Each structure stands twice: as C-alpha cells, then as structure tokens.
C-alpha cells in the first residue's frame, strides 16, 4: 500500500531530498559521464574566496582517480561546469547568486535544472539558453544531451 502526502507550498521550503529533486539530480551527470570526456562528481565542496560552495554536480575534464590515497576535502581547482537542480528549499535567485560566484571563480558553464522540466544553461550570468525539449546544448562543454534523458 502506498501513501501519498500532499504538501502545502509553504511546507515545501523546509524539505530536503524531495522525490522529484532526487529523481532528477543524478541524470545530467550520468549523461555527461557517458562520452568518457568528463569526470562527474556530486556534492563536491569547492573553496571559493575562503568559503565553501557545494553544487549538486561538478564537471571536470576527464581525470584518473587514485583510490587508497588521501582524499581532497575541498577543491581549489574549479570545474569546467556546475549543475544545480532546484530543490524545494532553494529559490531561483539563490541559484543565480551561486552562479555569479562560480563565474567569478572561473567556472565556464552553469546549468539550472528545474524539476518542472526546464534546463537553463548559462555561459555567463546574463547569457543563457533555456530548454524544454529536444536536446540540451552546452557549447562551452561541446555536449548535446537529449532532454528526455535528464527527466527520465
């Protein structure tokens, strides 16, 4: 027997790990990992101006991982791109402010994935493309991902 709980909008702001968010969160990273051109990390801590920033997904050029050695807790090397999936406790403005900091730190591309089925790829704070179907195209990373793969 399954139980469905309907939440009022004001209650959504306190939720973490909501079903739609979690369902969508790893799909873009998995799709980018397939061509074997990128290394994909979830919730990696980036150290920017002595502050910690934790995007949902970080995309680096393909790198060889060496396990069994000391781990890196905070990355000072910036990724090529970050992906944020808008959660019920995050506002659109929160994501844009994080992207401005990322661009200033040298990150070249920022994606905003909204679980209501929209992907926006930013190449600068005010330069972006919005996708609702077809392919999601990031010319900075030179990738094309079928829109349906992100929301499957």
C-alpha atoms as a PDB file:
ATOM      1  CA  UNK A   1       0.000   0.000   0.000  1.00  0.00           C
ATOM      2  CA  UNK A   2       1.452   3.352  -0.939  1.00  0.00           C
ATOM      3  CA  UNK A   3       0.804   6.571   0.919  1.00  0.00           C
ATOM      4  CA  UNK A   4       0.784   9.870  -0.894  1.00  0.00           C
ATOM      5  CA  UNK A   5       1.219  13.002   1.167  1.00  0.00           C
ATOM      6  CA  UNK A   6       0.224  16.318  -0.349  1.00  0.00           C
ATOM      7  CA  UNK A   7       2.196  19.269   0.995  1.00  0.00           C
ATOM      8  CA  UNK A   8       1.124  22.882   1.096  1.00  0.00           C
ATOM      9  CA  UNK A   9       3.534  25.230  -0.784  1.00  0.00           C
ATOM     10  CA  UNK A  10       4.750  26.864   2.442  1.00  0.00           C
ATOM     11  CA  UNK A  11       5.777  23.443   3.797  1.00  0.00           C
ATOM     12  CA  UNK A  12       7.904  22.722   0.712  1.00  0.00           C
ATOM     13  CA  UNK A  13      10.535  25.290   1.707  1.00  0.00           C
ATOM     14  CA  UNK A  14      11.650  23.073   4.605  1.00  0.00           C
ATOM     15  CA  UNK A  15      12.002  19.861   2.588  1.00  0.00           C
ATOM     16  CA  UNK A  16      15.305  18.339   1.573  1.00  0.00           C
ATOM     17  CA  UNK A  17      15.571  15.293  -0.629  1.00  0.00           C
ATOM     18  CA  UNK A  18      12.156  15.684  -2.240  1.00  0.00           C
ATOM     19  CA  UNK A  19      11.202  12.945  -4.705  1.00  0.00           C
ATOM     20  CA  UNK A  20      11.283  14.982  -7.953  1.00  0.00           C
ATOM     21  CA  UNK A  21      14.551  16.640  -6.951  1.00  0.00           C
ATOM     22  CA  UNK A  22      16.258  13.347  -6.107  1.00  0.00           C
ATOM     23  CA  UNK A  23      14.916  11.663  -9.220  1.00  0.00           C
ATOM     24  CA  UNK A  24      16.398  14.336 -11.497  1.00  0.00           C
ATOM     25  CA  UNK A  25      19.585  15.074  -9.554  1.00  0.00           C
ATOM     26  CA  UNK A  26      21.984  12.487 -10.975  1.00  0.00           C
ATOM     27  CA  UNK A  27      20.685  12.187 -14.538  1.00  0.00           C
ATOM     28  CA  UNK A  28      22.590  15.138 -16.086  1.00  0.00           C
ATOM     29  CA  UNK A  29      25.875  13.988 -14.531  1.00  0.00           C
ATOM     30  CA  UNK A  30      25.329  10.411 -15.667  1.00  0.00           C
ATOM     31  CA  UNK A  31      24.644  11.586 -19.210  1.00  0.00           C
ATOM     32  CA  UNK A  32      27.797  13.725 -19.248  1.00  0.00           C
ATOM     33  CA  UNK A  33      29.903  10.860 -17.949  1.00  0.00           C
ATOM     34  CA  UNK A  34      28.909   8.580 -20.850  1.00  0.00           C
ATOM     35  CA  UNK A  35      31.149  10.074 -23.585  1.00  0.00           C
ATOM     36  CA  UNK A  36      34.112   9.495 -21.240  1.00  0.00           C
ATOM     37  CA  UNK A  37      35.308  13.067 -21.750  1.00  0.00           C
ATOM     38  CA  UNK A  38      34.381  14.253 -18.267  1.00  0.00           C
ATOM     39  CA  UNK A  39      34.722  13.254 -14.642  1.00  0.00           C
ATOM     40  CA  UNK A  40      31.494  13.899 -12.764  1.00  0.00           C
ATOM     41  CA  UNK A  41      31.229  14.478  -9.008  1.00  0.00           C
ATOM     42  CA  UNK A  42      28.136  15.026  -6.881  1.00  0.00           C
ATOM     43  CA  UNK A  43      28.113  17.489  -3.996  1.00  0.00           C
ATOM     44  CA  UNK A  44      31.830  18.235  -4.187  1.00  0.00           C
ATOM     45  CA  UNK A  45      32.963  21.099  -1.949  1.00  0.00           C
ATOM     46  CA  UNK A  46      34.517  23.982  -3.876  1.00  0.00           C
ATOM     47  CA  UNK A  47      36.608  26.515  -1.971  1.00  0.00           C
ATOM     48  CA  UNK A  48      35.920  29.950  -3.470  1.00  0.00           C
ATOM     49  CA  UNK A  49      37.162  33.097  -1.706  1.00  0.00           C
ATOM     50  CA  UNK A  50      37.655  31.145   1.541  1.00  0.00           C
ATOM     51  CA  UNK A  51      34.022  29.954   1.512  1.00  0.00           C
ATOM     52  CA  UNK A  52      32.598  26.526   0.790  1.00  0.00           C
ATOM     53  CA  UNK A  53      30.195  26.083  -2.134  1.00  0.00           C
ATOM     54  CA  UNK A  54      28.606  22.726  -2.831  1.00  0.00           C
ATOM     55  CA  UNK A  55      26.940  22.437  -6.250  1.00  0.00           C
ATOM     56  CA  UNK A  56      24.781  19.388  -6.883  1.00  0.00           C
ATOM     57  CA  UNK A  57      27.134  18.261  -9.684  1.00  0.00           C
ATOM     58  CA  UNK A  58      30.646  19.342 -10.754  1.00  0.00           C
ATOM     59  CA  UNK A  59      32.021  18.526 -14.208  1.00  0.00           C
ATOM     60  CA  UNK A  60      35.805  18.318 -14.693  1.00  0.00           C
ATOM     61  CA  UNK A  61      37.815  17.269 -17.735  1.00  0.00           C
ATOM     62  CA  UNK A  62      38.370  13.510 -17.549  1.00  0.00           C
ATOM     63  CA  UNK A  63      40.816  12.650 -14.764  1.00  0.00           C
ATOM     64  CA  UNK A  64      42.297   9.455 -13.469  1.00  0.00           C
ATOM     65  CA  UNK A  65      41.161   8.712  -9.945  1.00  0.00           C
ATOM     66  CA  UNK A  66      43.677   7.277  -7.467  1.00  0.00           C
ATOM     67  CA  UNK A  67      41.873   5.494  -4.668  1.00  0.00           C
ATOM     68  CA  UNK A  68      43.602   4.479  -1.452  1.00  0.00           C
ATOM     69  CA  UNK A  69      45.334   7.833  -1.076  1.00  0.00           C
ATOM     70  CA  UNK A  70      44.417  10.884   0.960  1.00  0.00           C
ATOM     71  CA  UNK A  71      41.164  12.376  -0.267  1.00  0.00           C
ATOM     72  CA  UNK A  72      40.688  16.016  -1.238  1.00  0.00           C
ATOM     73  CA  UNK A  73      38.080  17.528   1.075  1.00  0.00           C
ATOM     74  CA  UNK A  74      37.881  20.968  -0.580  1.00  0.00           C
ATOM     75  CA  UNK A  75      38.622  21.538  -4.230  1.00  0.00           C
ATOM     76  CA  UNK A  76      40.602  24.640  -5.103  1.00  0.00           C
ATOM     77  CA  UNK A  77      40.729  23.668  -8.792  1.00  0.00           C
ATOM     78  CA  UNK A  78      37.461  24.830 -10.302  1.00  0.00           C
ATOM     79  CA  UNK A  79      35.380  22.542 -12.521  1.00  0.00           C
ATOM     80  CA  UNK A  80      34.527  23.344 -16.116  1.00  0.00           C
ATOM     81  CA  UNK A  81      30.846  23.368 -15.208  1.00  0.00           C
ATOM     82  CA  UNK A  82      28.436  23.018 -12.312  1.00  0.00           C
ATOM     83  CA  UNK A  83      24.854  21.802 -12.317  1.00  0.00           C
ATOM     84  CA  UNK A  84      22.251  22.861  -9.785  1.00  0.00           C
ATOM     85  CA  UNK A  85      18.929  21.079  -9.541  1.00  0.00           C
ATOM     86  CA  UNK A  86      16.431  23.452  -7.998  1.00  0.00           C
ATOM     87  CA  UNK A  87      15.184  21.921  -4.752  1.00  0.00           C
ATOM     88  CA  UNK A  88      12.011  22.841  -2.882  1.00  0.00           C
ATOM     89  CA  UNK A  89      14.113  24.698  -0.300  1.00  0.00           C
ATOM     90  CA  UNK A  90      16.086  26.707  -2.887  1.00  0.00           C
ATOM     91  CA  UNK A  91      14.942  29.770  -4.780  1.00  0.00           C
ATOM     92  CA  UNK A  92      15.746  30.650  -8.349  1.00  0.00           C
ATOM     93  CA  UNK A  93      17.569  33.727  -7.023  1.00  0.00           C
ATOM     94  CA  UNK A  94      19.709  31.512  -4.720  1.00  0.00           C
ATOM     95  CA  UNK A  95      20.902  29.572  -7.757  1.00  0.00           C
ATOM     96  CA  UNK A  96      21.645  32.722  -9.775  1.00  0.00           C
ATOM     97  CA  UNK A  97      23.669  34.186  -6.912  1.00  0.00           C
ATOM     98  CA  UNK A  98      25.678  30.956  -6.643  1.00  0.00           C
ATOM     99  CA  UNK A  99      26.255  31.033 -10.428  1.00  0.00           C
ATOM    100  CA  UNK A 100      27.596  34.609 -10.248  1.00  0.00           C
ATOM    101  CA  UNK A 101      30.153  33.446  -7.680  1.00  0.00           C
ATOM    102  CA  UNK A 102      31.022  30.427  -9.829  1.00  0.00           C
ATOM    103  CA  UNK A 103      31.586  32.542 -12.951  1.00  0.00           C
ATOM    104  CA  UNK A 104      33.774  34.951 -10.987  1.00  0.00           C
ATOM    105  CA  UNK A 105      35.849  31.938  -9.828  1.00  0.00           C
ATOM    106  CA  UNK A 106      36.445  30.837 -13.438  1.00  0.00           C
ATOM    107  CA  UNK A 107      33.772  28.182 -13.909  1.00  0.00           C
ATOM    108  CA  UNK A 108      32.736  28.418 -17.550  1.00  0.00           C
ATOM    109  CA  UNK A 109      29.244  26.909 -17.565  1.00  0.00           C
ATOM    110  CA  UNK A 110      26.395  26.617 -15.038  1.00  0.00           C
ATOM    111  CA  UNK A 111      23.224  24.612 -15.536  1.00  0.00           C
ATOM    112  CA  UNK A 112      19.980  25.131 -13.681  1.00  0.00           C
ATOM    113  CA  UNK A 113      17.720  22.087 -13.845  1.00  0.00           C
ATOM    114  CA  UNK A 114      14.192  22.720 -12.626  1.00  0.00           C
ATOM    115  CA  UNK A 115      12.208  19.540 -11.875  1.00  0.00           C
ATOM    116  CA  UNK A 116       9.162  21.075 -13.602  1.00  0.00           C
ATOM    117  CA  UNK A 117      11.072  20.123 -16.783  1.00  0.00           C
ATOM    118  CA  UNK A 118      13.233  23.089 -17.708  1.00  0.00           C
ATOM    119  CA  UNK A 119      17.009  23.220 -18.165  1.00  0.00           C
ATOM    120  CA  UNK A 120      18.798  26.548 -18.473  1.00  0.00           C
ATOM    121  CA  UNK A 121      22.465  26.577 -19.494  1.00  0.00           C
ATOM    122  CA  UNK A 122      24.341  29.737 -18.506  1.00  0.00           C
ATOM    123  CA  UNK A 123      27.626  30.717 -20.170  1.00  0.00           C
ATOM    124  CA  UNK A 124      27.730  33.946 -18.143  1.00  0.00           C
ATOM    125  CA  UNK A 125      25.389  35.486 -15.606  1.00  0.00           C
ATOM    126  CA  UNK A 126      23.262  37.068 -18.331  1.00  0.00           C
ATOM    127  CA  UNK A 127      23.991  34.758 -21.286  1.00  0.00           C
ATOM    128  CA  UNK A 128      21.857  31.638 -21.291  1.00  0.00           C
ATOM    129  CA  UNK A 129      19.746  29.208 -23.302  1.00  0.00           C
ATOM    130  CA  UNK A 130      16.579  27.626 -21.930  1.00  0.00           C
ATOM    131  CA  UNK A 131      15.480  24.137 -22.988  1.00  0.00           C
ATOM    132  CA  UNK A 132      12.082  22.443 -22.647  1.00  0.00           C
ATOM    133  CA  UNK A 133      12.535  19.600 -25.142  1.00  0.00           C
ATOM    134  CA  UNK A 134      14.820  18.315 -27.916  1.00  0.00           C
ATOM    135  CA  UNK A 135      18.455  18.494 -26.865  1.00  0.00           C
ATOM    136  CA  UNK A 136      20.210  20.396 -24.108  1.00  0.00           C
ATOM    137  CA  UNK A 137      23.217  22.032 -25.743  1.00  0.00           C
ATOM    138  CA  UNK A 138      26.244  23.376 -23.912  1.00  0.00           C
ATOM    139  CA  UNK A 139      28.661  24.873 -26.438  1.00  0.00           C
ATOM    140  CA  UNK A 140      31.218  25.544 -23.680  1.00  0.00           C
ATOM    141  CA  UNK A 141      31.477  21.817 -22.901  1.00  0.00           C
ATOM    142  CA  UNK A 142      30.739  20.860 -26.519  1.00  0.00           C
ATOM    143  CA  UNK A 143      27.963  18.484 -25.452  1.00  0.00           C
ATOM    144  CA  UNK A 144      24.423  17.683 -26.525  1.00  0.00           C
ATOM    145  CA  UNK A 145      22.194  15.627 -24.245  1.00  0.00           C
ATOM    146  CA  UNK A 146      18.690  14.506 -25.130  1.00  0.00           C
ATOM    147  CA  UNK A 147      16.291  16.460 -22.916  1.00  0.00           C
ATOM    148  CA  UNK A 148      14.352  13.288 -22.079  1.00  0.00           C
ATOM    149  CA  UNK A 149      17.484  11.689 -20.566  1.00  0.00           C
ATOM    150  CA  UNK A 150      17.606  14.380 -17.878  1.00  0.00           C
ATOM    151  CA  UNK A 151      13.977  13.788 -16.890  1.00  0.00           C
ATOM    152  CA  UNK A 152      13.676  10.015 -17.266  1.00  0.00           C
END
